[in-house]
Amino acid sequence: QVQFVESGGGSVQPGGSLKLSCATSGFTLELYAVGWFRQAPGREREGVSCISSYDGSTYYADSVKGRFAISRDNAKNTAYLQMNNLKPEDTAVYYCAPVFACGLPVERHRYEYPYAYWGQGTQVTVSS
């Protein structure tokens, strides 16, 4: 059974940090790129970051470059998103998903997904 379980969200003040985790099961994560996505109230889901399967290349939405860092641990079938210097506009539910390939622009790339499944996501709220 394929599963992605996001965790690590929470409420922080502007400038704070969070590290999200994406624990996967039911498939071999190292075969795929991994994307992090977010959806704010009233907005469509958008790509935030992506890490390739082949060489670990990383890609970021313009709005998070220099603040977020994506990583993966294939041995643990887990991906991460370190988020620093958080801003109120980062408030959203964050999701992870395996994708066939990363693409640009990260925010609007038409990702192709090997599995028709989304996890519950993890809420990130940035507010003073």
Foldseek 3Di string as FASTA:
>chain_A
DWDWDKDFADEEAQQAKTKIKIQIDDDQLLQFKKWKWWDDPPGDIWTAKIFGSPPRDIAGAPVQPPFKDKDDDRVRNMIMIIGGRDDQVVWTFMWMATFRGQDPPRGDDPTHHPDPDTHPGHTHGYHD
